[in-house]
């Protein structure tokens, strides 16, 4: 039985590519834990770098959001740079907090001193970050443009949108990361941390899509 063009088109329409790419990107730390010796510090730091991808695509959303009144497009000249500065400071402080907490609480421990990150991020972490970046890009193209979310949102909503997701997500990640670091980063707890982040990320992703419908 051959597939018709209508069936293929329907399958492609129902295929949730952003969600699939999100799941794949979130699964990569599992590979890092099992085959590249990632510890809790590595996982938490990787998830912090995801803030950069979130901010980058949010800037693009603000630039391409559809404004009903053309005159109000001039507001982007102020709001976009303001967001970049404000979000940049937020991300920098968040990163400093992550590193200082791990260094302060666990810096004297053997597990921290043996962390592969102290001699520079390994290639596997760069690959994982690129995949996370691409995952957010898939969601940006598919949901924001193809499904028209840019027509149903506003500059005000976009200004605040990243912060809520980041705060909720990283509260879960940080609490789990500290627990695994205290216990010496056992593999099962690290995998549980990745699973926790994935579940929270998927729920926040679906909630965001629902709000933008």
N, C-alpha and C. Protein backbone atom coordinates (compact mmCIF):
# COMPACT_ATOMS: atom_id res chain seq x y z
N UNK A 1 0.85 -1.20 0.00
CA UNK A 1 0.00 0.00 0.00
C UNK A 1 0.88 1.24 0.00
N UNK A 2 0.78 2.01 -1.03
CA UNK A 2 1.64 3.17 -1.18
C UNK A 2 1.06 4.36 -0.42
N UNK A 3 1.94 5.21 0.05
CA UNK A 3 1.51 6.40 0.77
C UNK A 3 1.18 7.50 -0.23
N UNK A 4 0.06 8.14 -0.04
CA UNK A 4 -0.33 9.23 -0.91
C UNK A 4 0.33 10.52 -0.45
N UNK A 5 0.31 11.50 -1.34
CA UNK A 5 0.88 12.80 -0.98
C UNK A 5 0.13 13.41 0.19
N UNK A 6 -1.19 13.18 0.24
CA UNK A 6 -2.01 13.71 1.32
C UNK A 6 -1.61 13.12 2.66
N UNK A 7 -1.32 11.81 2.67
CA UNK A 7 -0.90 11.16 3.91
C UNK A 7 0.45 11.66 4.38
N UNK A 8 1.37 11.84 3.43
CA UNK A 8 2.70 12.34 3.77
C UNK A 8 2.61 13.76 4.31
N UNK A 9 1.79 14.58 3.64
CA UNK A 9 1.63 15.97 4.09
C UNK A 9 1.02 16.01 5.48
N UNK A 10 0.04 15.13 5.73
CA UNK A 10 -0.58 15.08 7.05
C UNK A 10 0.39 14.64 8.12
N UNK A 11 1.25 13.67 7.77
CA UNK A 11 2.26 13.20 8.73
C UNK A 11 3.24 14.31 9.06
N UNK A 12 3.68 15.04 8.05
CA UNK A 12 4.62 16.13 8.27
C UNK A 12 3.99 17.24 9.10
N UNK A 13 2.69 17.48 8.89
CA UNK A 13 2.00 18.52 9.64
C UNK A 13 1.90 18.17 11.12
N UNK A 14 1.64 16.89 11.39
CA UNK A 14 1.46 16.45 12.78
C UNK A 14 2.79 16.14 13.48
N UNK A 15 3.87 16.05 12.72
CA UNK A 15 5.17 15.75 13.30
C UNK A 15 5.68 16.95 14.08
N UNK A 16 5.90 16.78 15.35
CA UNK A 16 6.34 17.87 16.21
C UNK A 16 7.86 17.94 16.22
N UNK A 17 8.41 18.54 15.18
CA UNK A 17 9.87 18.60 15.05
C UNK A 17 10.55 19.35 16.19
N UNK A 18 10.00 20.48 16.65
CA UNK A 18 10.65 21.17 17.77
C UNK A 18 10.75 20.30 19.02
N UNK A 19 9.67 19.55 19.31
CA UNK A 19 9.69 18.70 20.50
C UNK A 19 10.68 17.56 20.33
N UNK A 20 10.74 16.98 19.14
CA UNK A 20 11.69 15.90 18.87
C UNK A 20 13.12 16.39 19.00
N UNK A 21 13.41 17.55 18.43
CA UNK A 21 14.76 18.11 18.51
C UNK A 21 15.12 18.46 19.95
N UNK A 22 14.13 18.92 20.73
CA UNK A 22 14.35 19.23 22.14
C UNK A 22 14.74 17.96 22.91
N UNK A 23 14.02 16.87 22.65
CA UNK A 23 14.30 15.61 23.33
C UNK A 23 15.69 15.08 22.96
N UNK A 24 16.04 15.19 21.68
CA UNK A 24 17.36 14.72 21.24
C UNK A 24 18.47 15.54 21.90
N UNK A 25 18.30 16.86 21.90
CA UNK A 25 19.32 17.73 22.50
C UNK A 25 19.47 17.46 23.99
N UNK A 26 18.35 17.21 24.67
CA UNK A 26 18.41 16.94 26.11
C UNK A 26 18.96 15.56 26.42
N UNK A 27 18.96 14.68 25.43
CA UNK A 27 19.50 13.33 25.65
C UNK A 27 21.02 13.30 25.54
N UNK A 28 21.62 14.32 24.93
CA UNK A 28 23.07 14.31 24.72
C UNK A 28 23.87 14.28 26.02
N UNK A 29 23.43 14.99 27.09
CA UNK A 29 24.18 14.87 28.35
C UNK A 29 24.25 13.44 28.88
N UNK A 30 23.29 12.60 28.51
CA UNK A 30 23.36 11.19 28.91
C UNK A 30 24.61 10.55 28.31
N UNK A 31 24.87 10.88 27.04
CA UNK A 31 26.08 10.38 26.38
C UNK A 31 27.32 10.93 27.08
N UNK A 32 27.25 12.22 27.47
CA UNK A 32 28.38 12.82 28.17
C UNK A 32 28.67 12.14 29.50
N UNK A 33 27.62 11.78 30.22
CA UNK A 33 27.78 11.12 31.52
C UNK A 33 28.33 9.71 31.35
N UNK A 34 27.77 8.96 30.40
CA UNK A 34 28.12 7.54 30.25
C UNK A 34 29.48 7.33 29.58
N UNK A 35 29.85 8.21 28.64
CA UNK A 35 31.04 7.93 27.83
C UNK A 35 32.15 8.98 27.95
N UNK A 36 31.84 10.18 28.51
CA UNK A 36 32.86 11.23 28.56
C UNK A 36 33.12 11.74 29.97
N UNK A 37 32.58 11.06 30.96
CA UNK A 37 32.90 11.38 32.34
C UNK A 37 32.36 12.71 32.84
N UNK A 38 31.25 13.17 32.31
CA UNK A 38 30.67 14.42 32.80
C UNK A 38 30.25 14.28 34.26
N UNK A 39 30.43 15.37 35.01
CA UNK A 39 29.97 15.41 36.40
C UNK A 39 28.83 16.41 36.52
N UNK A 40 28.37 16.65 37.76
CA UNK A 40 27.25 17.57 37.99
C UNK A 40 27.60 18.98 37.52
N UNK A 41 28.84 19.40 37.75
CA UNK A 41 29.28 20.73 37.34
C UNK A 41 29.17 20.89 35.83
N UNK A 42 29.57 19.88 35.09
CA UNK A 42 29.51 19.94 33.63
C UNK A 42 28.07 20.07 33.14
N UNK A 43 27.17 19.32 33.73
CA UNK A 43 25.77 19.35 33.30
C UNK A 43 25.13 20.69 33.62
N UNK A 44 25.33 21.18 34.84
CA UNK A 44 24.75 22.46 35.22
C UNK A 44 25.30 23.59 34.36
N UNK A 45 26.61 23.55 34.08
CA UNK A 45 27.21 24.59 33.26
C UNK A 45 26.69 24.53 31.83
N UNK A 46 26.50 23.33 31.29
CA UNK A 46 25.93 23.20 29.95
C UNK A 46 24.54 23.82 29.90
N UNK A 47 23.73 23.53 30.91
CA UNK A 47 22.38 24.08 30.93
C UNK A 47 22.39 25.59 31.11
N UNK A 48 23.43 26.11 31.77
CA UNK A 48 23.55 27.56 31.84
C UNK A 48 23.83 28.16 30.47
N UNK A 49 24.69 27.52 29.70
CA UNK A 49 25.01 28.05 28.37
C UNK A 49 23.77 28.07 27.46
N UNK A 50 22.77 27.26 27.79
CA UNK A 50 21.53 27.28 27.01
C UNK A 50 20.85 28.64 27.10
N UNK A 51 21.13 29.39 28.18
CA UNK A 51 20.58 30.74 28.30
C UNK A 51 20.99 31.60 27.12
N UNK A 52 22.19 31.37 26.60
CA UNK A 52 22.68 32.17 25.47
C UNK A 52 21.82 31.91 24.24
N UNK A 53 21.49 30.65 24.00
CA UNK A 53 20.64 30.31 22.87
C UNK A 53 19.25 30.91 23.04
N UNK A 54 18.70 30.82 24.25
CA UNK A 54 17.37 31.37 24.52
C UNK A 54 17.36 32.88 24.26
N UNK A 55 18.37 33.58 24.75
CA UNK A 55 18.45 35.02 24.54
C UNK A 55 18.62 35.39 23.08
N UNK A 56 19.46 34.65 22.37
CA UNK A 56 19.72 34.93 20.96
C UNK A 56 18.43 34.84 20.14
N UNK A 57 17.69 33.76 20.31
CA UNK A 57 16.47 33.59 19.53
C UNK A 57 15.36 34.53 19.99
N UNK A 58 15.39 34.93 21.26
CA UNK A 58 14.38 35.88 21.71
C UNK A 58 14.61 37.25 21.08
N UNK A 59 15.87 37.61 20.88
CA UNK A 59 16.17 38.85 20.17
C UNK A 59 15.62 38.80 18.74
N UNK A 60 15.81 37.66 18.07
CA UNK A 60 15.25 37.50 16.72
C UNK A 60 13.73 37.59 16.74
N UNK A 61 13.11 37.01 17.76
CA UNK A 61 11.65 37.09 17.87
C UNK A 61 11.20 38.54 18.01
N UNK A 62 11.92 39.31 18.80
CA UNK A 62 11.56 40.71 18.99
C UNK A 62 11.74 41.50 17.71
N UNK A 63 12.75 41.16 16.94
CA UNK A 63 12.99 41.86 15.68
C UNK A 63 11.93 41.55 14.63
N UNK A 64 11.43 40.31 14.64
CA UNK A 64 10.51 39.88 13.59
C UNK A 64 9.05 39.78 14.05
N UNK A 65 8.76 40.19 15.29
CA UNK A 65 7.38 40.15 15.74
C UNK A 65 6.55 41.08 14.87
N UNK A 66 5.35 40.67 14.58
CA UNK A 66 4.47 41.46 13.72
C UNK A 66 3.76 42.52 14.54
N UNK A 67 4.01 43.77 14.21
CA UNK A 67 3.38 44.90 14.88
C UNK A 67 2.20 45.38 14.04
N UNK A 68 1.03 45.46 14.66
CA UNK A 68 -0.18 45.83 13.91
C UNK A 68 -0.12 47.27 13.41
N UNK A 69 0.48 48.13 14.21
CA UNK A 69 0.63 49.52 13.79
C UNK A 69 2.08 49.78 13.42
N UNK A 70 2.36 50.02 12.13
CA UNK A 70 3.75 50.17 11.68
C UNK A 70 4.55 51.20 12.46
N UNK A 71 3.89 52.25 12.94
CA UNK A 71 4.62 53.29 13.67
C UNK A 71 5.28 52.75 14.93
N UNK A 72 4.67 51.74 15.53
CA UNK A 72 5.20 51.18 16.77
C UNK A 72 6.45 50.33 16.54
N UNK A 73 6.82 50.08 15.29
CA UNK A 73 8.06 49.35 15.00
C UNK A 73 9.27 50.12 15.52
N UNK A 74 9.12 51.44 15.62
CA UNK A 74 10.24 52.25 16.11
C UNK A 74 10.59 51.90 17.56
N UNK A 75 9.62 51.35 18.29
CA UNK A 75 9.88 50.96 19.67
C UNK A 75 10.92 49.86 19.79
N UNK A 76 11.10 49.09 18.71
CA UNK A 76 12.11 48.03 18.73
C UNK A 76 13.52 48.61 18.88
N UNK A 77 13.72 49.83 18.38
CA UNK A 77 15.03 50.45 18.45
C UNK A 77 15.48 50.66 19.90
N UNK A 78 14.52 50.77 20.81
CA UNK A 78 14.84 50.91 22.24
C UNK A 78 14.74 49.59 22.98
N UNK A 79 13.66 48.83 22.72
CA UNK A 79 13.39 47.63 23.51
C UNK A 79 14.39 46.51 23.23
N UNK A 80 14.81 46.34 21.98
CA UNK A 80 15.75 45.26 21.66
C UNK A 80 17.11 45.48 22.35
N UNK A 81 17.75 46.66 22.21
CA UNK A 81 19.01 46.87 22.94
C UNK A 81 18.83 46.78 24.46
N UNK A 82 17.69 47.27 24.96
CA UNK A 82 17.44 47.19 26.40
C UNK A 82 17.39 45.74 26.85
N UNK A 83 16.70 44.90 26.09
CA UNK A 83 16.63 43.48 26.44
C UNK A 83 18.01 42.84 26.40
N UNK A 84 18.80 43.15 25.37
CA UNK A 84 20.13 42.56 25.24
C UNK A 84 20.99 42.87 26.46
N UNK A 85 20.97 44.14 26.89
CA UNK A 85 21.77 44.54 28.05
C UNK A 85 21.24 43.90 29.32
N UNK A 86 19.93 43.98 29.53
CA UNK A 86 19.33 43.46 30.75
C UNK A 86 19.49 41.95 30.84
N UNK A 87 19.19 41.25 29.75
CA UNK A 87 19.31 39.79 29.74
C UNK A 87 20.77 39.36 29.83
N UNK A 88 21.66 40.14 29.20
CA UNK A 88 23.08 39.83 29.28
C UNK A 88 23.60 39.91 30.70
N UNK A 89 23.17 40.94 31.44
CA UNK A 89 23.57 41.07 32.84
C UNK A 89 23.00 39.91 33.67
N UNK A 90 21.73 39.59 33.41
CA UNK A 90 21.08 38.48 34.12
C UNK A 90 21.83 37.17 33.89
N UNK A 91 22.20 36.90 32.64
CA UNK A 91 22.90 35.67 32.30
C UNK A 91 24.29 35.63 32.93
N UNK A 92 24.99 36.78 32.90
CA UNK A 92 26.34 36.84 33.48
C UNK A 92 26.30 36.61 34.99
N UNK A 93 25.35 37.23 35.67
CA UNK A 93 25.23 37.05 37.11
C UNK A 93 24.85 35.61 37.44
N UNK A 94 23.95 35.06 36.64
CA UNK A 94 23.55 33.66 36.83
C UNK A 94 24.77 32.74 36.68
N UNK A 95 25.58 32.97 35.65
CA UNK A 95 26.77 32.14 35.44
C UNK A 95 27.77 32.28 36.58
N UNK A 96 27.97 33.53 37.03
CA UNK A 96 28.90 33.75 38.15
C UNK A 96 28.40 33.06 39.41
N UNK A 97 27.08 33.08 39.60
CA UNK A 97 26.48 32.42 40.76
C UNK A 97 26.71 30.91 40.70
N UNK A 98 26.48 30.32 39.52
CA UNK A 98 26.68 28.88 39.36
C UNK A 98 28.12 28.49 39.69
N UNK A 99 29.07 29.20 39.10
CA UNK A 99 30.46 28.83 39.29
C UNK A 99 30.93 29.08 40.72
N UNK A 100 30.51 30.23 41.29
CA UNK A 100 30.96 30.56 42.64
C UNK A 100 30.39 29.58 43.67
N UNK A 101 29.13 29.15 43.47
CA UNK A 101 28.53 28.20 44.40
C UNK A 101 29.27 26.87 44.36
N UNK A 102 29.53 26.38 43.15
CA UNK A 102 30.24 25.11 43.03
C UNK A 102 31.67 25.23 43.57
N UNK A 103 32.32 26.35 43.25
CA UNK A 103 33.69 26.53 43.72
C UNK A 103 33.74 26.73 45.23
N UNK A 104 32.74 27.47 45.75
CA UNK A 104 32.73 27.74 47.18
C UNK A 104 32.34 26.54 48.01
N UNK A 105 31.31 25.81 47.56
CA UNK A 105 30.81 24.69 48.34
C UNK A 105 31.59 23.40 48.09
N UNK A 106 32.02 23.22 46.85
CA UNK A 106 32.63 21.95 46.48
C UNK A 106 34.06 22.09 45.97
N UNK A 107 34.59 23.35 46.02
CA UNK A 107 35.90 23.61 45.40
C UNK A 107 37.04 22.83 46.03
N UNK A 108 36.91 22.49 47.30
CA UNK A 108 37.99 21.77 47.97
C UNK A 108 37.84 20.26 47.84
N UNK A 109 36.71 19.83 47.27
CA UNK A 109 36.49 18.39 47.17
C UNK A 109 37.26 17.80 46.01
N UNK A 110 37.56 16.55 46.13
CA UNK A 110 38.30 15.85 45.07
C UNK A 110 37.49 15.80 43.79
N UNK A 111 36.17 15.67 43.90
CA UNK A 111 35.32 15.59 42.71
C UNK A 111 35.40 16.86 41.88
N UNK A 112 35.39 18.03 42.56
CA UNK A 112 35.46 19.29 41.83
C UNK A 112 36.84 19.48 41.21
N UNK A 113 37.87 19.18 41.94
CA UNK A 113 39.23 19.39 41.45
C UNK A 113 39.54 18.47 40.27
N UNK A 114 38.86 17.34 40.19
CA UNK A 114 39.05 16.43 39.07
C UNK A 114 38.09 16.69 37.91
N UNK A 115 37.27 17.74 38.04
CA UNK A 115 36.31 18.04 36.99
C UNK A 115 37.03 18.38 35.70
N UNK A 116 36.61 17.82 34.56
CA UNK A 116 37.27 18.10 33.28
C UNK A 116 37.13 19.55 32.85
N UNK A 117 36.18 20.30 33.43
CA UNK A 117 35.96 21.69 33.01
C UNK A 117 37.06 22.62 33.47
N UNK A 118 37.78 22.25 34.53
CA UNK A 118 38.81 23.14 35.05
C UNK A 118 39.98 23.30 34.08
N UNK A 119 40.14 22.37 33.17
CA UNK A 119 41.18 22.49 32.14
C UNK A 119 40.59 22.90 30.79
N UNK A 120 39.35 23.38 30.81
CA UNK A 120 38.68 23.80 29.58
C UNK A 120 37.58 22.84 29.19
N UNK A 121 36.47 23.37 28.66
CA UNK A 121 35.35 22.50 28.26
C UNK A 121 35.79 21.49 27.20
N UNK A 122 35.43 20.22 27.36
CA UNK A 122 35.78 19.21 26.35
C UNK A 122 34.95 19.39 25.08
N UNK A 123 35.41 18.76 24.00
CA UNK A 123 34.73 18.87 22.71
C UNK A 123 33.28 18.40 22.81
N UNK A 124 33.02 17.40 23.62
CA UNK A 124 31.66 16.87 23.75
C UNK A 124 30.69 17.93 24.26
N UNK A 125 31.18 18.86 25.10
CA UNK A 125 30.30 19.90 25.61
C UNK A 125 30.00 20.93 24.52
N UNK A 126 30.98 21.24 23.69
CA UNK A 126 30.74 22.15 22.58
C UNK A 126 29.68 21.57 21.63
N UNK A 127 29.80 20.27 21.36
CA UNK A 127 28.84 19.61 20.47
C UNK A 127 27.45 19.65 21.08
N UNK A 128 27.35 19.38 22.39
CA UNK A 128 26.06 19.40 23.07
C UNK A 128 25.43 20.79 23.03
N UNK A 129 26.26 21.83 23.22
CA UNK A 129 25.74 23.19 23.17
C UNK A 129 25.23 23.53 21.76
N UNK A 130 25.98 23.14 20.74
CA UNK A 130 25.55 23.40 19.36
C UNK A 130 24.22 22.73 19.09
N UNK A 131 24.05 21.52 19.58
CA UNK A 131 22.78 20.81 19.39
C UNK A 131 21.64 21.49 20.13
N UNK A 132 21.90 21.99 21.33
CA UNK A 132 20.88 22.76 22.05
C UNK A 132 20.53 24.03 21.28
N UNK A 133 21.54 24.67 20.72
CA UNK A 133 21.33 25.89 19.94
C UNK A 133 20.46 25.59 18.71
N UNK A 134 20.76 24.49 18.04
CA UNK A 134 19.98 24.10 16.86
C UNK A 134 18.55 23.76 17.25
N UNK A 135 18.39 23.09 18.39
CA UNK A 135 17.06 22.72 18.86
C UNK A 135 16.17 23.95 19.04
N UNK A 136 16.71 24.98 19.66
CA UNK A 136 15.95 26.22 19.81
C UNK A 136 15.70 26.87 18.45
N UNK A 137 16.62 26.71 17.53
CA UNK A 137 16.44 27.26 16.19
C UNK A 137 15.30 26.57 15.44
N UNK A 138 15.19 25.25 15.61
CA UNK A 138 14.09 24.50 14.99
C UNK A 138 12.76 25.00 15.51
N UNK A 139 12.66 25.21 16.82
CA UNK A 139 11.43 25.72 17.41
C UNK A 139 11.14 27.13 16.91
N UNK A 140 12.17 27.94 16.77
CA UNK A 140 12.01 29.31 16.29
C UNK A 140 11.42 29.33 14.88
N UNK A 141 11.98 28.54 13.98
CA UNK A 141 11.52 28.52 12.59
C UNK A 141 10.14 27.89 12.48
N UNK A 142 9.97 26.75 13.13
CA UNK A 142 8.72 25.99 12.99
C UNK A 142 7.54 26.70 13.67
N UNK A 143 7.73 27.09 14.92
CA UNK A 143 6.61 27.66 15.67
C UNK A 143 6.43 29.15 15.43
N UNK A 144 7.53 29.87 15.42
CA UNK A 144 7.42 31.33 15.36
C UNK A 144 7.05 31.82 13.96
N UNK A 145 7.63 31.19 12.94
CA UNK A 145 7.34 31.62 11.57
C UNK A 145 6.30 30.74 10.89
N UNK A 146 6.58 29.44 10.81
CA UNK A 146 5.70 28.55 10.06
C UNK A 146 4.30 28.49 10.67
N UNK A 147 4.21 28.42 12.00
CA UNK A 147 2.91 28.35 12.66
C UNK A 147 2.38 29.71 13.09
N UNK A 148 3.13 30.76 12.78
CA UNK A 148 2.62 32.12 12.94
C UNK A 148 2.54 32.66 14.35
N UNK A 149 3.40 32.17 15.26
CA UNK A 149 3.36 32.71 16.61
C UNK A 149 3.75 34.18 16.65
N UNK A 150 4.51 34.63 15.66
CA UNK A 150 4.92 36.03 15.63
C UNK A 150 3.73 36.97 15.42
N UNK A 151 2.62 36.42 14.92
CA UNK A 151 1.41 37.22 14.72
C UNK A 151 0.53 37.27 15.97
N UNK A 152 0.85 36.44 16.97
CA UNK A 152 -0.03 36.32 18.13
C UNK A 152 0.67 36.68 19.44
N UNK A 153 1.82 37.30 19.35
CA UNK A 153 2.54 37.71 20.55
C UNK A 153 2.80 39.20 20.50
N UNK A 154 3.52 39.70 21.46
CA UNK A 154 3.79 41.14 21.52
C UNK A 154 5.19 41.38 22.07
N UNK A 155 5.67 42.60 21.91
CA UNK A 155 7.00 42.95 22.41
C UNK A 155 7.05 42.83 23.93
N UNK A 156 5.96 43.22 24.60
CA UNK A 156 5.93 43.16 26.06
C UNK A 156 6.05 41.71 26.53
N UNK A 157 5.31 40.81 25.90
CA UNK A 157 5.37 39.40 26.28
C UNK A 157 6.75 38.83 26.02
N UNK A 158 7.34 39.19 24.89
CA UNK A 158 8.67 38.68 24.54
C UNK A 158 9.74 39.21 25.49
N UNK A 159 9.55 40.41 26.01
CA UNK A 159 10.52 40.98 26.95
C UNK A 159 10.61 40.14 28.22
N UNK A 160 9.49 39.56 28.64
CA UNK A 160 9.44 38.83 29.91
C UNK A 160 9.51 37.32 29.74
N UNK A 161 9.22 36.83 28.55
CA UNK A 161 9.05 35.39 28.34
C UNK A 161 10.25 34.54 28.76
N UNK A 162 11.49 34.89 28.40
CA UNK A 162 12.62 34.00 28.73
C UNK A 162 12.85 33.83 30.22
N UNK A 163 12.59 34.86 31.01
CA UNK A 163 12.96 34.83 32.42
C UNK A 163 12.18 33.78 33.20
N UNK A 164 10.86 33.71 32.96
CA UNK A 164 10.05 32.74 33.68
C UNK A 164 10.51 31.32 33.43
N UNK A 165 10.80 31.01 32.17
CA UNK A 165 11.23 29.66 31.83
C UNK A 165 12.59 29.35 32.44
N UNK A 166 13.50 30.31 32.38
CA UNK A 166 14.85 30.08 32.89
C UNK A 166 14.84 29.87 34.40
N UNK A 167 14.08 30.71 35.11
CA UNK A 167 14.05 30.61 36.57
C UNK A 167 13.50 29.26 37.01
N UNK A 168 12.37 28.86 36.45
CA UNK A 168 11.77 27.58 36.83
C UNK A 168 12.69 26.42 36.48
N UNK A 169 13.24 26.45 35.26
CA UNK A 169 14.08 25.36 34.79
C UNK A 169 15.34 25.22 35.62
N UNK A 170 15.99 26.34 35.90
CA UNK A 170 17.28 26.25 36.58
C UNK A 170 17.15 26.07 38.08
N UNK A 171 16.02 26.41 38.66
CA UNK A 171 15.80 26.05 40.06
C UNK A 171 15.80 24.53 40.22
N UNK A 172 15.14 23.86 39.25
CA UNK A 172 15.12 22.40 39.27
C UNK A 172 16.51 21.82 39.02
N UNK A 173 17.21 22.39 38.02
CA UNK A 173 18.54 21.88 37.65
C UNK A 173 19.55 22.13 38.77
N UNK A 174 19.53 23.33 39.35
CA UNK A 174 20.52 23.67 40.38
C UNK A 174 20.33 22.82 41.63
N UNK A 175 19.08 22.63 42.04
CA UNK A 175 18.84 21.81 43.24
C UNK A 175 19.30 20.38 43.02
N UNK A 176 19.00 19.83 41.85
CA UNK A 176 19.47 18.48 41.54
C UNK A 176 20.98 18.41 41.38
N UNK A 177 21.56 19.46 40.77
CA UNK A 177 23.00 19.50 40.58
C UNK A 177 23.77 19.54 41.88
N UNK A 178 23.29 20.32 42.86
CA UNK A 178 23.96 20.39 44.16
C UNK A 178 23.89 19.04 44.87
N UNK A 179 22.76 18.38 44.77
CA UNK A 179 22.61 17.08 45.43
C UNK A 179 23.59 16.07 44.86
N UNK A 180 23.70 16.01 43.54
CA UNK A 180 24.62 15.06 42.92
C UNK A 180 26.08 15.41 43.22
N UNK A 181 26.39 16.72 43.27
CA UNK A 181 27.76 17.11 43.57
C UNK A 181 28.14 16.74 45.00
N UNK A 182 27.22 16.92 45.92
CA UNK A 182 27.48 16.58 47.32
C UNK A 182 27.75 15.09 47.48
N UNK A 183 27.02 14.29 46.70
CA UNK A 183 27.15 12.83 46.80
C UNK A 183 28.25 12.27 45.90
N UNK A 184 28.99 13.18 45.24
CA UNK A 184 30.12 12.72 44.42
C UNK A 184 29.78 12.41 42.99
N UNK A 185 28.67 12.96 42.48
CA UNK A 185 28.26 12.79 41.08
C UNK A 185 28.12 11.33 40.66
N UNK A 186 27.34 10.53 41.38
CA UNK A 186 27.10 9.15 40.93
C UNK A 186 26.30 9.14 39.63
N UNK A 187 26.59 8.16 38.79
CA UNK A 187 26.00 8.14 37.45
C UNK A 187 24.48 8.14 37.48
N UNK A 188 23.89 7.35 38.35
CA UNK A 188 22.43 7.25 38.37
C UNK A 188 21.77 8.57 38.74
N UNK A 189 22.38 9.31 39.68
CA UNK A 189 21.82 10.60 40.04
C UNK A 189 22.02 11.62 38.93
N UNK A 190 23.15 11.54 38.23
CA UNK A 190 23.38 12.44 37.10
C UNK A 190 22.33 12.19 36.01
N UNK A 191 22.05 10.93 35.73
CA UNK A 191 21.04 10.59 34.73
C UNK A 191 19.65 11.05 35.19
N UNK A 192 19.40 10.94 36.49
CA UNK A 192 18.13 11.43 37.04
C UNK A 192 18.02 12.95 36.87
N UNK A 193 19.14 13.65 37.06
CA UNK A 193 19.17 15.10 36.87
C UNK A 193 18.83 15.46 35.43
N UNK A 194 19.41 14.74 34.46
CA UNK A 194 19.12 14.98 33.05
C UNK A 194 17.64 14.72 32.76
N UNK A 195 17.11 13.64 33.33
CA UNK A 195 15.70 13.31 33.13
C UNK A 195 14.80 14.38 33.73
N UNK A 196 15.16 14.88 34.90
CA UNK A 196 14.38 15.94 35.54
C UNK A 196 14.35 17.19 34.67
N UNK A 197 15.50 17.56 34.16
CA UNK A 197 15.57 18.75 33.31
C UNK A 197 14.75 18.56 32.06
N UNK A 198 14.80 17.38 31.47
CA UNK A 198 14.06 17.10 30.24
C UNK A 198 12.56 17.20 30.47
N UNK A 199 12.09 16.63 31.58
CA UNK A 199 10.65 16.66 31.89
C UNK A 199 10.18 18.10 32.08
N UNK A 200 10.93 18.87 32.88
CA UNK A 200 10.55 20.27 33.12
C UNK A 200 10.60 21.06 31.82
N UNK A 201 11.63 20.82 31.00
CA UNK A 201 11.79 21.54 29.74
C UNK A 201 10.63 21.26 28.80
N UNK A 202 10.23 20.00 28.70
CA UNK A 202 9.11 19.64 27.81
C UNK A 202 7.82 20.29 28.29
N UNK A 203 7.57 20.26 29.59
CA UNK A 203 6.35 20.87 30.12
C UNK A 203 6.31 22.36 29.86
N UNK A 204 7.45 23.04 30.06
CA UNK A 204 7.51 24.48 29.81
C UNK A 204 7.36 24.79 28.32
N UNK A 205 7.94 23.93 27.48
CA UNK A 205 7.82 24.11 26.03
C UNK A 205 6.37 24.00 25.60
N UNK A 206 5.66 22.99 26.08
CA UNK A 206 4.25 22.79 25.71
C UNK A 206 3.37 23.90 26.27
N UNK A 207 3.69 24.36 27.48
CA UNK A 207 2.91 25.45 28.06
C UNK A 207 3.09 26.73 27.25
N UNK A 208 4.32 26.97 26.79
CA UNK A 208 4.59 28.16 25.97
C UNK A 208 3.84 28.11 24.65
N UNK A 209 3.79 26.90 24.04
CA UNK A 209 3.05 26.76 22.78
C UNK A 209 1.57 27.02 22.99
N UNK A 210 1.04 26.54 24.12
CA UNK A 210 -0.38 26.71 24.42
C UNK A 210 -0.73 28.18 24.60
N UNK A 211 0.14 28.92 25.27
CA UNK A 211 -0.09 30.34 25.49
C UNK A 211 -0.09 31.11 24.17
N UNK A 212 0.72 30.66 23.22
CA UNK A 212 0.87 31.39 21.95
C UNK A 212 -0.11 30.97 20.88
N UNK A 213 -0.96 30.00 21.19
CA UNK A 213 -1.97 29.58 20.20
C UNK A 213 -3.05 30.63 20.07
